[in-house]
Amino acid sequence: MRLRFMVAGTLVGGVILSLLNWFTAALLPPRYKRFRDPGVVVETIRANVSGNDIYTVPQGLFVSVSLRADSTGGPQKFGARVTRQFTAEFVVAFGLSLLLLTSSPRSPLSAACFLGLAGLIAGIETHFPTWNWAGFPTSYLLAGSGYLATNWFIVGLTLGAARQKLILRDDAM
């Protein structure tokens, strides 16, 4: 039953994480602001960088550069990106399922709280350094941490219900 939970948790959790990722990307406002004159900025950056990387200057400018020949990324690149994103979501879902399997939450709500707290902690660890050291806005820290906490909470409800159905009932028998 534990193997069935791991497989089900990885598959269902991966799909839910992917859907939540697409949903929040489509509905939430972007966390980045546009330049006033993008053409000038693009020309200046292209003339002063050697490739994709993160650049900074002592005056406080911090720029992440991702240069592409075209602005669409092309259909083939889009498919590869979607595949990588789904793969990442299934790996995360596997990890979340493993966390639940090795912990003791007995109800879907306690599993959701456990994984939601883990998401909040992961979000703070991931986003705090760029807020603290690179001067990213507070909204970046709050949105990034809140996004992980909320998504992992929602997945935790589902995984907690699956765990209860597939493992805890069998252990009680």
N, C-alpha and C. Protein backbone atom coordinates (compact mmCIF):
# COMPACT_ATOMS: atom_id res chain seq x y z
N MET A 1 0.81 -1.20 0.00
CA MET A 1 0.00 0.00 0.00
C MET A 1 0.86 1.27 0.00
N ARG A 2 2.01 1.20 0.64
CA ARG A 2 2.88 2.37 0.65
C ARG A 2 3.38 2.70 -0.75
N LEU A 3 3.68 1.68 -1.53
CA LEU A 3 4.12 1.91 -2.91
C LEU A 3 2.98 2.51 -3.73
N ARG A 4 1.77 1.98 -3.54
CA ARG A 4 0.62 2.55 -4.25
C ARG A 4 0.42 4.02 -3.89
N PHE A 5 0.60 4.36 -2.61
CA PHE A 5 0.49 5.75 -2.19
C PHE A 5 1.56 6.61 -2.86
N MET A 6 2.79 6.12 -2.90
CA MET A 6 3.88 6.89 -3.51
C MET A 6 3.60 7.14 -5.00
N VAL A 7 3.14 6.12 -5.69
CA VAL A 7 2.83 6.27 -7.12
C VAL A 7 1.65 7.23 -7.29
N ALA A 8 0.57 6.99 -6.54
CA ALA A 8 -0.62 7.84 -6.65
C ALA A 8 -0.29 9.28 -6.22
N GLY A 9 0.44 9.41 -5.12
CA GLY A 9 0.81 10.75 -4.64
C GLY A 9 1.66 11.51 -5.64
N THR A 10 2.59 10.82 -6.27
CA THR A 10 3.44 11.46 -7.26
C THR A 10 2.63 11.89 -8.47
N LEU A 11 1.77 11.01 -8.96
CA LEU A 11 0.99 11.33 -10.15
C LEU A 11 -0.06 12.40 -9.88
N VAL A 12 -0.87 12.20 -8.85
CA VAL A 12 -1.93 13.16 -8.54
C VAL A 12 -1.33 14.48 -8.08
N GLY A 13 -0.34 14.40 -7.19
CA GLY A 13 0.31 15.63 -6.70
C GLY A 13 0.98 16.40 -7.82
N GLY A 14 1.63 15.69 -8.74
CA GLY A 14 2.28 16.35 -9.87
C GLY A 14 1.30 17.07 -10.77
N VAL A 15 0.15 16.43 -11.02
CA VAL A 15 -0.87 17.08 -11.84
C VAL A 15 -1.44 18.30 -11.13
N ILE A 16 -1.72 18.17 -9.84
CA ILE A 16 -2.27 19.31 -9.08
C ILE A 16 -1.27 20.46 -9.03
N LEU A 17 -0.01 20.17 -8.75
CA LEU A 17 1.01 21.22 -8.73
C LEU A 17 1.12 21.89 -10.09
N SER A 18 1.06 21.12 -11.16
CA SER A 18 1.14 21.70 -12.50
C SER A 18 -0.05 22.61 -12.78
N LEU A 19 -1.24 22.15 -12.43
CA LEU A 19 -2.44 22.97 -12.63
C LEU A 19 -2.39 24.25 -11.80
N LEU A 20 -1.97 24.13 -10.54
CA LEU A 20 -1.85 25.32 -9.69
C LEU A 20 -0.82 26.29 -10.26
N ASN A 21 0.28 25.76 -10.79
CA ASN A 21 1.31 26.60 -11.38
C ASN A 21 0.74 27.37 -12.57
N TRP A 22 0.04 26.69 -13.45
CA TRP A 22 -0.56 27.36 -14.61
C TRP A 22 -1.62 28.36 -14.17
N PHE A 23 -2.44 27.98 -13.19
CA PHE A 23 -3.51 28.83 -12.70
C PHE A 23 -2.96 30.13 -12.12
N THR A 24 -1.97 30.01 -11.25
CA THR A 24 -1.42 31.22 -10.63
C THR A 24 -0.66 32.07 -11.63
N ALA A 25 0.01 31.44 -12.60
CA ALA A 25 0.72 32.22 -13.63
C ALA A 25 -0.27 32.99 -14.50
N ALA A 26 -1.44 32.41 -14.74
CA ALA A 26 -2.44 33.05 -15.60
C ALA A 26 -3.24 34.13 -14.87
N LEU A 27 -3.48 33.94 -13.57
CA LEU A 27 -4.37 34.85 -12.86
C LEU A 27 -3.69 35.90 -11.98
N LEU A 28 -2.58 35.52 -11.38
CA LEU A 28 -1.92 36.47 -10.50
C LEU A 28 -1.20 37.53 -11.32
N PRO A 29 -1.17 38.75 -10.81
CA PRO A 29 -0.44 39.78 -11.55
C PRO A 29 1.06 39.48 -11.54
N PRO A 30 1.75 39.88 -12.61
CA PRO A 30 3.19 39.63 -12.64
C PRO A 30 3.89 40.36 -11.50
N ARG A 31 4.96 39.75 -11.00
CA ARG A 31 5.72 40.36 -9.91
C ARG A 31 6.81 41.28 -10.44
N TYR A 32 6.92 41.41 -11.75
CA TYR A 32 7.98 42.23 -12.34
C TYR A 32 7.35 43.40 -13.08
N LYS A 33 8.01 44.53 -13.00
CA LYS A 33 7.54 45.73 -13.69
C LYS A 33 8.26 45.88 -15.01
N ARG A 34 7.61 46.56 -15.94
CA ARG A 34 8.19 46.79 -17.27
C ARG A 34 9.04 48.05 -17.26
N PHE A 35 10.07 48.05 -18.12
CA PHE A 35 10.89 49.23 -18.31
C PHE A 35 10.09 50.28 -19.08
N ARG A 36 10.41 51.55 -18.86
CA ARG A 36 9.73 52.63 -19.57
C ARG A 36 10.02 52.59 -21.07
N ASP A 37 11.26 52.30 -21.44
CA ASP A 37 11.64 52.23 -22.85
C ASP A 37 12.39 50.92 -23.08
N PRO A 38 11.63 49.81 -23.28
CA PRO A 38 12.27 48.50 -23.36
C PRO A 38 13.31 48.38 -24.47
N GLY A 39 13.09 49.02 -25.60
CA GLY A 39 14.05 48.92 -26.70
C GLY A 39 15.42 49.43 -26.32
N VAL A 40 15.47 50.56 -25.65
CA VAL A 40 16.74 51.14 -25.23
C VAL A 40 17.42 50.23 -24.21
N VAL A 41 16.64 49.71 -23.28
CA VAL A 41 17.20 48.84 -22.24
C VAL A 41 17.77 47.57 -22.87
N VAL A 42 17.03 46.97 -23.78
CA VAL A 42 17.48 45.74 -24.43
C VAL A 42 18.78 45.99 -25.20
N GLU A 43 18.83 47.07 -25.96
CA GLU A 43 20.05 47.38 -26.72
C GLU A 43 21.24 47.60 -25.79
N THR A 44 21.02 48.34 -24.70
CA THR A 44 22.10 48.62 -23.75
C THR A 44 22.59 47.33 -23.09
N ILE A 45 21.67 46.49 -22.67
CA ILE A 45 22.06 45.24 -22.01
C ILE A 45 22.78 44.32 -22.98
N ARG A 46 22.25 44.16 -24.19
CA ARG A 46 22.91 43.30 -25.19
C ARG A 46 24.34 43.76 -25.48
N ALA A 47 24.55 45.07 -25.46
CA ALA A 47 25.88 45.61 -25.75
C ALA A 47 26.85 45.44 -24.58
N ASN A 48 26.33 45.11 -23.38
CA ASN A 48 27.18 45.08 -22.20
C ASN A 48 27.25 43.74 -21.48
N VAL A 49 26.70 42.67 -22.09
CA VAL A 49 26.77 41.35 -21.47
C VAL A 49 27.37 40.35 -22.45
N SER A 50 27.89 39.27 -21.89
CA SER A 50 28.49 38.25 -22.74
C SER A 50 27.56 37.05 -22.97
N GLY A 51 26.44 37.00 -22.24
CA GLY A 51 25.50 35.88 -22.40
C GLY A 51 24.52 35.84 -21.25
N ASN A 52 23.75 34.78 -21.18
CA ASN A 52 22.77 34.62 -20.11
C ASN A 52 23.47 34.47 -18.77
N ASP A 53 23.09 35.33 -17.84
CA ASP A 53 23.68 35.28 -16.50
C ASP A 53 23.00 36.32 -15.64
N ILE A 54 23.50 36.50 -14.44
CA ILE A 54 23.01 37.53 -13.53
C ILE A 54 24.11 38.58 -13.41
N TYR A 55 23.75 39.83 -13.63
CA TYR A 55 24.72 40.92 -13.63
C TYR A 55 24.34 41.94 -12.57
N THR A 56 25.37 42.60 -12.04
CA THR A 56 25.13 43.65 -11.05
C THR A 56 26.22 44.71 -11.17
N VAL A 57 25.92 45.88 -10.66
CA VAL A 57 26.90 46.97 -10.59
C VAL A 57 26.83 47.57 -9.20
N PRO A 58 27.91 48.20 -8.74
CA PRO A 58 27.93 48.76 -7.39
C PRO A 58 26.84 49.81 -7.14
N GLN A 59 26.32 50.43 -8.18
CA GLN A 59 25.28 51.45 -8.00
C GLN A 59 23.93 50.87 -7.62
N GLY A 60 23.83 49.56 -7.50
CA GLY A 60 22.60 48.94 -7.02
C GLY A 60 21.74 48.28 -8.08
N LEU A 61 22.19 48.23 -9.31
CA LEU A 61 21.40 47.58 -10.35
C LEU A 61 21.68 46.08 -10.35
N PHE A 62 20.62 45.30 -10.42
CA PHE A 62 20.69 43.84 -10.42
C PHE A 62 19.82 43.37 -11.58
N VAL A 63 20.40 42.68 -12.56
CA VAL A 63 19.66 42.27 -13.75
C VAL A 63 19.90 40.79 -14.04
N SER A 64 18.84 40.06 -14.23
CA SER A 64 18.93 38.69 -14.70
C SER A 64 18.69 38.73 -16.20
N VAL A 65 19.64 38.21 -16.97
CA VAL A 65 19.58 38.31 -18.43
C VAL A 65 19.35 36.93 -19.03
N SER A 66 18.34 36.85 -19.89
CA SER A 66 18.05 35.66 -20.66
C SER A 66 17.83 36.11 -22.10
N LEU A 67 18.88 36.03 -22.89
CA LEU A 67 18.83 36.50 -24.27
C LEU A 67 18.27 35.41 -25.18
N ARG A 68 17.35 35.79 -26.04
CA ARG A 68 16.79 34.88 -27.03
C ARG A 68 16.80 35.57 -28.38
N ALA A 69 16.98 34.80 -29.42
CA ALA A 69 16.99 35.36 -30.76
C ALA A 69 15.61 35.90 -31.13
N ASP A 70 14.55 35.18 -30.75
CA ASP A 70 13.20 35.67 -31.01
C ASP A 70 12.46 35.81 -29.69
N SER A 71 11.37 36.53 -29.70
CA SER A 71 10.66 36.81 -28.45
C SER A 71 9.69 35.71 -28.05
N THR A 72 9.39 34.77 -28.95
CA THR A 72 8.40 33.76 -28.62
C THR A 72 9.01 32.50 -28.03
N GLY A 73 10.26 32.24 -28.29
CA GLY A 73 10.87 31.02 -27.80
C GLY A 73 10.61 29.84 -28.72
N GLY A 74 9.69 30.00 -29.66
CA GLY A 74 9.39 28.96 -30.64
C GLY A 74 8.63 27.80 -30.05
N PRO A 75 7.83 27.10 -30.88
CA PRO A 75 7.02 26.00 -30.38
C PRO A 75 7.84 24.84 -29.81
N GLN A 76 9.00 24.54 -30.43
CA GLN A 76 9.81 23.44 -29.94
C GLN A 76 10.36 23.76 -28.55
N LYS A 77 10.82 24.97 -28.36
CA LYS A 77 11.33 25.35 -27.05
C LYS A 77 10.20 25.36 -26.01
N PHE A 78 9.01 25.76 -26.42
CA PHE A 78 7.88 25.77 -25.50
C PHE A 78 7.58 24.34 -25.02
N GLY A 79 7.57 23.38 -25.94
CA GLY A 79 7.31 21.99 -25.58
C GLY A 79 8.35 21.45 -24.61
N ALA A 80 9.61 21.78 -24.84
CA ALA A 80 10.68 21.33 -23.94
C ALA A 80 10.52 21.97 -22.57
N ARG A 81 10.12 23.21 -22.55
CA ARG A 81 9.93 23.89 -21.26
C ARG A 81 8.77 23.30 -20.48
N VAL A 82 7.67 23.00 -21.18
CA VAL A 82 6.52 22.39 -20.52
C VAL A 82 6.91 21.03 -19.97
N THR A 83 7.65 20.26 -20.74
CA THR A 83 8.11 18.94 -20.28
C THR A 83 8.97 19.06 -19.04
N ARG A 84 9.92 20.00 -19.04
CA ARG A 84 10.77 20.20 -17.86
C ARG A 84 9.94 20.64 -16.66
N GLN A 85 8.95 21.51 -16.88
CA GLN A 85 8.12 21.98 -15.76
C GLN A 85 7.31 20.84 -15.17
N PHE A 86 6.68 20.02 -16.02
CA PHE A 86 5.93 18.88 -15.51
C PHE A 86 6.85 17.92 -14.76
N THR A 87 8.02 17.68 -15.29
CA THR A 87 8.98 16.79 -14.63
C THR A 87 9.31 17.32 -13.24
N ALA A 88 9.58 18.61 -13.15
CA ALA A 88 9.89 19.21 -11.84
C ALA A 88 8.72 19.07 -10.87
N GLU A 89 7.50 19.28 -11.35
CA GLU A 89 6.32 19.17 -10.48
C GLU A 89 6.14 17.74 -9.97
N PHE A 90 6.41 16.74 -10.82
CA PHE A 90 6.29 15.35 -10.39
C PHE A 90 7.39 14.98 -9.40
N VAL A 91 8.58 15.53 -9.57
CA VAL A 91 9.67 15.29 -8.61
C VAL A 91 9.30 15.88 -7.25
N VAL A 92 8.75 17.11 -7.27
CA VAL A 92 8.32 17.75 -6.01
C VAL A 92 7.20 16.93 -5.38
N ALA A 93 6.23 16.49 -6.18
CA ALA A 93 5.13 15.69 -5.64
C ALA A 93 5.64 14.39 -5.03
N PHE A 94 6.64 13.77 -5.66
CA PHE A 94 7.26 12.58 -5.08
C PHE A 94 7.86 12.90 -3.72
N GLY A 95 8.58 14.03 -3.63
CA GLY A 95 9.18 14.43 -2.36
C GLY A 95 8.14 14.73 -1.29
N LEU A 96 7.06 15.39 -1.67
CA LEU A 96 6.00 15.68 -0.70
C LEU A 96 5.32 14.39 -0.24
N SER A 97 5.13 13.46 -1.16
CA SER A 97 4.55 12.16 -0.79
C SER A 97 5.47 11.42 0.18
N LEU A 98 6.76 11.48 -0.08
CA LEU A 98 7.73 10.84 0.80
C LEU A 98 7.72 11.49 2.18
N LEU A 99 7.62 12.81 2.24
CA LEU A 99 7.51 13.50 3.54
C LEU A 99 6.30 13.00 4.32
N LEU A 100 5.16 12.89 3.64
CA LEU A 100 3.96 12.42 4.34
C LEU A 100 4.09 10.97 4.76
N LEU A 101 4.74 10.17 3.93
CA LEU A 101 4.91 8.76 4.25
C LEU A 101 5.77 8.56 5.49
N THR A 102 6.73 9.44 5.70
CA THR A 102 7.65 9.30 6.83
C THR A 102 7.26 10.13 8.04
N SER A 103 6.11 10.79 7.97
CA SER A 103 5.65 11.61 9.10
C SER A 103 4.36 11.02 9.65
N SER A 104 3.79 11.69 10.64
CA SER A 104 2.64 11.08 11.31
C SER A 104 1.33 11.87 11.24
N PRO A 105 1.11 12.77 10.28
CA PRO A 105 -0.21 13.42 10.23
C PRO A 105 -1.30 12.36 9.99
N ARG A 106 -2.35 12.41 10.80
CA ARG A 106 -3.38 11.38 10.71
C ARG A 106 -4.60 11.80 9.90
N SER A 107 -4.72 13.08 9.57
CA SER A 107 -5.89 13.54 8.82
C SER A 107 -5.42 14.35 7.61
N PRO A 108 -6.28 14.49 6.60
CA PRO A 108 -5.91 15.32 5.46
C PRO A 108 -5.58 16.77 5.85
N LEU A 109 -6.32 17.32 6.82
CA LEU A 109 -6.04 18.69 7.23
C LEU A 109 -4.68 18.80 7.92
N SER A 110 -4.34 17.84 8.76
CA SER A 110 -3.03 17.90 9.41
C SER A 110 -1.91 17.69 8.39
N ALA A 111 -2.15 16.86 7.39
CA ALA A 111 -1.16 16.69 6.32
C ALA A 111 -1.01 17.99 5.53
N ALA A 112 -2.12 18.66 5.26
CA ALA A 112 -2.07 19.93 4.53
C ALA A 112 -1.31 20.99 5.34
N CYS A 113 -1.58 21.06 6.63
CA CYS A 113 -0.86 22.03 7.48
C CYS A 113 0.63 21.72 7.53
N PHE A 114 0.96 20.45 7.62
CA PHE A 114 2.36 20.03 7.66
C PHE A 114 3.08 20.43 6.37
N LEU A 115 2.49 20.09 5.21
CA LEU A 115 3.13 20.43 3.94
C LEU A 115 3.06 21.93 3.66
N GLY A 116 1.99 22.59 4.09
CA GLY A 116 1.91 24.05 3.93
C GLY A 116 3.01 24.75 4.70
N LEU A 117 3.26 24.29 5.93
CA LEU A 117 4.35 24.85 6.72
C LEU A 117 5.70 24.57 6.07
N ALA A 118 5.86 23.36 5.54
CA ALA A 118 7.10 23.03 4.83
C ALA A 118 7.27 23.95 3.61
N GLY A 119 6.17 24.24 2.90
CA GLY A 119 6.22 25.15 1.76
C GLY A 119 6.59 26.56 2.17
N LEU A 120 6.04 27.01 3.29
CA LEU A 120 6.39 28.34 3.78
C LEU A 120 7.87 28.43 4.13
N ILE A 121 8.36 27.41 4.81
CA ILE A 121 9.78 27.38 5.18
C ILE A 121 10.65 27.34 3.93
N ALA A 122 10.29 26.50 2.95
CA ALA A 122 11.05 26.42 1.70
C ALA A 122 10.99 27.75 0.95
N GLY A 123 9.84 28.39 0.96
CA GLY A 123 9.71 29.68 0.29
C GLY A 123 10.57 30.76 0.92
N ILE A 124 10.59 30.80 2.23
CA ILE A 124 11.43 31.78 2.92
C ILE A 124 12.90 31.51 2.63
N GLU A 125 13.29 30.25 2.72
CA GLU A 125 14.69 29.89 2.44
C GLU A 125 15.08 30.23 1.00
N THR A 126 14.16 30.05 0.08
CA THR A 126 14.43 30.30 -1.33
C THR A 126 14.45 31.79 -1.66
N HIS A 127 13.52 32.55 -1.13
CA HIS A 127 13.33 33.95 -1.55
C HIS A 127 13.96 34.98 -0.61
N PHE A 128 14.22 34.62 0.63
CA PHE A 128 14.79 35.58 1.58
C PHE A 128 16.15 36.11 1.15
N PRO A 129 17.08 35.25 0.71
CA PRO A 129 18.40 35.78 0.34
C PRO A 129 18.35 36.83 -0.77
N THR A 130 17.51 36.63 -1.79
CA THR A 130 17.44 37.63 -2.86
C THR A 130 16.76 38.90 -2.38
N TRP A 131 15.86 38.78 -1.43
CA TRP A 131 15.25 39.98 -0.84
C TRP A 131 16.29 40.71 0.03
N ASN A 132 16.98 39.94 0.85
CA ASN A 132 17.92 40.51 1.81
C ASN A 132 19.18 41.06 1.15
N TRP A 133 19.82 40.27 0.29
CA TRP A 133 21.12 40.64 -0.26
C TRP A 133 21.04 41.38 -1.58
N ALA A 134 20.09 41.02 -2.42
CA ALA A 134 20.03 41.63 -3.76
C ALA A 134 19.02 42.76 -3.84
N GLY A 135 18.28 43.01 -2.77
CA GLY A 135 17.35 44.13 -2.76
C GLY A 135 16.05 43.88 -3.50
N PHE A 136 15.68 42.61 -3.70
CA PHE A 136 14.39 42.34 -4.33
C PHE A 136 13.29 42.94 -3.46
N PRO A 137 12.15 43.31 -4.06
CA PRO A 137 11.08 43.92 -3.27
C PRO A 137 10.45 42.93 -2.28
N THR A 138 9.87 43.47 -1.23
CA THR A 138 9.21 42.64 -0.22
C THR A 138 8.09 41.81 -0.84
N SER A 139 7.42 42.35 -1.85
CA SER A 139 6.35 41.60 -2.51
C SER A 139 6.88 40.31 -3.13
N TYR A 140 8.12 40.31 -3.58
CA TYR A 140 8.75 39.09 -4.13
C TYR A 140 8.88 38.04 -3.04
N LEU A 141 9.37 38.44 -1.87
CA LEU A 141 9.52 37.52 -0.75
C LEU A 141 8.17 36.98 -0.30
N LEU A 142 7.19 37.86 -0.15
CA LEU A 142 5.88 37.45 0.34
C LEU A 142 5.14 36.58 -0.68
N ALA A 143 5.16 37.01 -1.94
CA ALA A 143 4.45 36.25 -2.98
C ALA A 143 5.08 34.88 -3.19
N GLY A 144 6.40 34.83 -3.28
CA GLY A 144 7.08 33.56 -3.51
C GLY A 144 6.88 32.58 -2.37
N SER A 145 6.98 33.07 -1.14
CA SER A 145 6.79 32.20 0.03
C SER A 145 5.33 31.79 0.17
N GLY A 146 4.44 32.74 -0.03
CA GLY A 146 3.00 32.45 0.07
C GLY A 146 2.53 31.48 -1.00
N TYR A 147 3.08 31.62 -2.20
CA TYR A 147 2.73 30.73 -3.30
C TYR A 147 3.08 29.29 -2.95
N LEU A 148 4.30 29.06 -2.48
CA LEU A 148 4.70 27.71 -2.11
C LEU A 148 3.86 27.16 -0.96
N ALA A 149 3.65 27.97 0.06
CA ALA A 149 2.87 27.52 1.22
C ALA A 149 1.45 27.14 0.80
N THR A 150 0.82 27.97 -0.02
CA THR A 150 -0.55 27.71 -0.45
C THR A 150 -0.64 26.47 -1.34
N ASN A 151 0.23 26.38 -2.32
CA ASN A 151 0.19 25.23 -3.22
C ASN A 151 0.48 23.93 -2.49
N TRP A 152 1.46 23.93 -1.61
CA TRP A 152 1.78 22.72 -0.87
C TRP A 152 0.68 22.37 0.11
N PHE A 153 -0.02 23.35 0.66
CA PHE A 153 -1.17 23.10 1.52
C PHE A 153 -2.27 22.39 0.73
N ILE A 154 -2.58 22.91 -0.46
CA ILE A 154 -3.63 22.31 -1.30
C ILE A 154 -3.26 20.88 -1.69
N VAL A 155 -2.02 20.69 -2.11
CA VAL A 155 -1.57 19.34 -2.46
C VAL A 155 -1.59 18.45 -1.21
N GLY A 156 -1.27 19.02 -0.06
CA GLY A 156 -1.29 18.26 1.19
C GLY A 156 -2.67 17.73 1.53
N LEU A 157 -3.72 18.51 1.23
CA LEU A 157 -5.08 18.02 1.46
C LEU A 157 -5.34 16.76 0.63
N THR A 158 -4.95 16.82 -0.63
CA THR A 158 -5.16 15.69 -1.53
C THR A 158 -4.31 14.49 -1.13
N LEU A 159 -3.04 14.75 -0.88
CA LEU A 159 -2.15 13.64 -0.49
C LEU A 159 -2.55 13.07 0.86
N GLY A 160 -3.00 13.93 1.77
CA GLY A 160 -3.46 13.45 3.07
C GLY A 160 -4.67 12.54 2.94
N ALA A 161 -5.59 12.90 2.04
CA ALA A 161 -6.77 12.05 1.80
C ALA A 161 -6.35 10.73 1.17
N ALA A 162 -5.42 10.79 0.22
CA ALA A 162 -4.94 9.55 -0.42
C ALA A 162 -4.21 8.68 0.60
N ARG A 163 -3.41 9.30 1.44
CA ARG A 163 -2.66 8.55 2.46
C ARG A 163 -3.63 7.86 3.41
N GLN A 164 -4.66 8.60 3.81
CA GLN A 164 -5.65 8.04 4.73
C GLN A 164 -6.37 6.85 4.09
N LYS A 165 -6.69 6.98 2.82
CA LYS A 165 -7.42 5.91 2.13
C LYS A 165 -6.53 4.70 1.85
N LEU A 166 -5.29 4.95 1.40
CA LEU A 166 -4.45 3.84 0.96
C LEU A 166 -3.60 3.21 2.06
N ILE A 167 -3.26 3.97 3.10
CA ILE A 167 -2.32 3.44 4.10
C ILE A 167 -2.96 3.31 5.47
N LEU A 168 -3.51 4.38 5.98
CA LEU A 168 -3.98 4.36 7.37
C LEU A 168 -5.12 3.36 7.59
N ARG A 169 -6.02 3.24 6.62
CA ARG A 169 -7.11 2.27 6.77
C ARG A 169 -6.57 0.85 6.77
N ASP A 170 -5.57 0.59 5.93
CA ASP A 170 -4.97 -0.76 5.89
C ASP A 170 -4.21 -1.05 7.17
N ASP A 171 -3.54 -0.03 7.74
CA ASP A 171 -2.81 -0.24 9.00
C ASP A 171 -3.76 -0.51 10.16
N ALA A 172 -4.99 0.05 10.09
CA ALA A 172 -5.96 -0.12 11.16
C ALA A 172 -6.58 -1.51 11.13
N MET A 173 -6.54 -2.14 9.96
CA MET A 173 -7.17 -3.47 9.85
C MET A 173 -6.32 -4.56 10.40
